[in-house]
Amino acid sequence: MGKGPNIALATRPEADDVESSTHAARKGLFARALAQGYLLRSELDSSLPAQALTDSERWLLLYSLRAAGIEVCDAKPQVAGSRKK
């Protein structure tokens, strides 16, 4: 007894794969968003489906994007500088 599979260790490699793939997807999203100055929700959803992140991780990602000055929007924003100040 005591030699049974450790559940945490048995599932950890799979968790590492998911974590590394979502990490790569998040990095790609940030790079694209920084280049564009915005990120479409459809880009976010297609790169990171809802089940890929916990609610807290998704909130942190959105918070980080906004903190970096990246607008997360439903449609491509108007040309920059077209807003009145």
C-alpha atoms as a PDB file:
ATOM      1  CA  MET A   1       0.000   0.000   0.000  1.00  0.00           C
ATOM      2  CA  GLY A   2       1.074   3.581  -0.385  1.00  0.00           C
ATOM      3  CA  LYS A   3       2.424   2.772  -3.868  1.00  0.00           C
ATOM      4  CA  GLY A   4      -0.709   3.905  -5.726  1.00  0.00           C
ATOM      5  CA  PRO A   5      -0.516   6.722  -8.271  1.00  0.00           C
ATOM      6  CA  ASN A   6      -0.241  10.202  -6.886  1.00  0.00           C
ATOM      7  CA  ILE A   7      -3.185  11.992  -8.474  1.00  0.00           C
ATOM      8  CA  ALA A   8      -1.449  15.386  -8.485  1.00  0.00           C
ATOM      9  CA  LEU A   9       1.649  13.958 -10.156  1.00  0.00           C
ATOM     10  CA  ALA A  10      -0.350  11.846 -12.585  1.00  0.00           C
ATOM     11  CA  THR A  11      -2.216  14.896 -13.916  1.00  0.00           C
ATOM     12  CA  ARG A  12       0.627  17.437 -13.704  1.00  0.00           C
ATOM     13  CA  PRO A  13       2.213  16.832 -17.157  1.00  0.00           C
ATOM     14  CA  GLU A  14      -1.139  17.485 -18.809  1.00  0.00           C
ATOM     15  CA  ALA A  15      -1.564  20.634 -16.726  1.00  0.00           C
ATOM     16  CA  ASP A  16       1.926  21.742 -17.799  1.00  0.00           C
ATOM     17  CA  ASP A  17       0.986  21.263 -21.466  1.00  0.00           C
ATOM     18  CA  VAL A  18      -2.178  23.330 -21.084  1.00  0.00           C
ATOM     19  CA  GLU A  19      -0.352  25.976 -19.069  1.00  0.00           C
ATOM     20  CA  SER A  20       2.459  26.278 -21.611  1.00  0.00           C
ATOM     21  CA  SER A  21       0.055  26.486 -24.538  1.00  0.00           C
ATOM     22  CA  THR A  22      -2.040  29.187 -22.854  1.00  0.00           C
ATOM     23  CA  HIS A  23       1.147  31.028 -21.873  1.00  0.00           C
ATOM     24  CA  ALA A  24       2.283  31.032 -25.502  1.00  0.00           C
ATOM     25  CA  ALA A  25      -1.182  32.164 -26.625  1.00  0.00           C
ATOM     26  CA  ARG A  26      -1.199  34.998 -24.067  1.00  0.00           C
ATOM     27  CA  LYS A  27       2.238  36.161 -25.194  1.00  0.00           C
ATOM     28  CA  GLY A  28       1.061  36.138 -28.804  1.00  0.00           C
ATOM     29  CA  LEU A  29      -2.051  38.107 -27.901  1.00  0.00           C
ATOM     30  CA  PHE A  30      -0.002  40.737 -26.083  1.00  0.00           C
ATOM     31  CA  ALA A  31       2.410  41.082 -28.993  1.00  0.00           C
ATOM     32  CA  ARG A  32      -0.451  41.483 -31.478  1.00  0.00           C
ATOM     33  CA  ALA A  33      -2.319  43.870 -29.195  1.00  0.00           C
ATOM     34  CA  LEU A  34       0.752  46.027 -28.606  1.00  0.00           C
ATOM     35  CA  ALA A  35       1.366  46.263 -32.343  1.00  0.00           C
ATOM     36  CA  GLN A  36      -2.289  47.126 -33.094  1.00  0.00           C
ATOM     37  CA  GLY A  37      -3.011  49.170 -29.975  1.00  0.00           C
ATOM     38  CA  TYR A  38      -6.196  47.169 -29.436  1.00  0.00           C
ATOM     39  CA  LEU A  39      -7.414  43.590 -29.229  1.00  0.00           C
ATOM     40  CA  LEU A  40     -10.700  42.271 -30.535  1.00  0.00           C
ATOM     41  CA  ARG A  41     -12.729  40.073 -28.210  1.00  0.00           C
ATOM     42  CA  SER A  42     -13.018  37.578 -31.074  1.00  0.00           C
ATOM     43  CA  GLU A  43      -9.192  37.353 -31.201  1.00  0.00           C
ATOM     44  CA  LEU A  44      -9.113  36.755 -27.463  1.00  0.00           C
ATOM     45  CA  ASP A  45     -11.853  34.122 -27.606  1.00  0.00           C
ATOM     46  CA  SER A  46     -10.336  32.248 -30.542  1.00  0.00           C
ATOM     47  CA  SER A  47      -6.842  32.241 -29.016  1.00  0.00           C
ATOM     48  CA  LEU A  48      -7.977  31.433 -25.477  1.00  0.00           C
ATOM     49  CA  PRO A  49     -11.361  29.698 -25.312  1.00  0.00           C
ATOM     50  CA  ALA A  50     -13.306  30.228 -22.085  1.00  0.00           C
ATOM     51  CA  GLN A  51     -12.266  26.842 -20.661  1.00  0.00           C
ATOM     52  CA  ALA A  52      -8.558  27.568 -21.207  1.00  0.00           C
ATOM     53  CA  LEU A  53      -8.401  30.039 -18.307  1.00  0.00           C
ATOM     54  CA  THR A  54     -10.055  30.296 -14.943  1.00  0.00           C
ATOM     55  CA  ASP A  55     -12.259  33.324 -14.332  1.00  0.00           C
ATOM     56  CA  SER A  56      -9.466  34.862 -12.260  1.00  0.00           C
ATOM     57  CA  GLU A  57      -6.855  34.264 -14.967  1.00  0.00           C
ATOM     58  CA  ARG A  58      -9.132  35.772 -17.614  1.00  0.00           C
ATOM     59  CA  TRP A  59      -9.805  38.820 -15.413  1.00  0.00           C
ATOM     60  CA  LEU A  60      -6.069  39.267 -14.821  1.00  0.00           C
ATOM     61  CA  LEU A  61      -5.368  39.041 -18.541  1.00  0.00           C
ATOM     62  CA  LEU A  62      -7.992  41.695 -19.332  1.00  0.00           C
ATOM     63  CA  TYR A  63      -6.720  43.886 -16.495  1.00  0.00           C
ATOM     64  CA  SER A  64      -3.140  43.568 -17.747  1.00  0.00           C
ATOM     65  CA  LEU A  65      -4.147  44.453 -21.298  1.00  0.00           C
ATOM     66  CA  ARG A  66      -5.994  47.554 -20.121  1.00  0.00           C
ATOM     67  CA  ALA A  67      -3.107  48.523 -17.814  1.00  0.00           C
ATOM     68  CA  ALA A  68      -0.819  48.369 -20.848  1.00  0.00           C
ATOM     69  CA  GLY A  69      -3.118  50.835 -22.617  1.00  0.00           C
ATOM     70  CA  ILE A  70      -4.613  48.224 -24.901  1.00  0.00           C
ATOM     71  CA  GLU A  71      -8.295  48.634 -25.712  1.00  0.00           C
ATOM     72  CA  VAL A  72     -10.260  45.384 -25.723  1.00  0.00           C
ATOM     73  CA  CYS A  73     -13.209  45.899 -28.064  1.00  0.00           C
ATOM     74  CA  ASP A  74     -15.909  44.106 -30.034  1.00  0.00           C
ATOM     75  CA  ALA A  75     -15.100  45.765 -33.363  1.00  0.00           C
ATOM     76  CA  LYS A  76     -12.053  47.381 -34.886  1.00  0.00           C
ATOM     77  CA  PRO A  77     -11.805  50.891 -33.408  1.00  0.00           C
ATOM     78  CA  GLN A  78     -11.882  54.052 -35.478  1.00  0.00           C
ATOM     79  CA  VAL A  79      -8.601  55.390 -36.806  1.00  0.00           C
ATOM     80  CA  ALA A  80      -6.445  56.632 -33.946  1.00  0.00           C
ATOM     81  CA  GLY A  81      -6.534  60.378 -33.458  1.00  0.00           C
ATOM     82  CA  SER A  82     -10.058  60.760 -34.838  1.00  0.00           C
ATOM     83  CA  ARG A  83     -11.505  61.401 -31.370  1.00  0.00           C
ATOM     84  CA  LYS A  84     -12.053  64.944 -30.212  1.00  0.00           C
ATOM     85  CA  LYS A  85     -10.230  65.987 -27.071  1.00  0.00           C
END
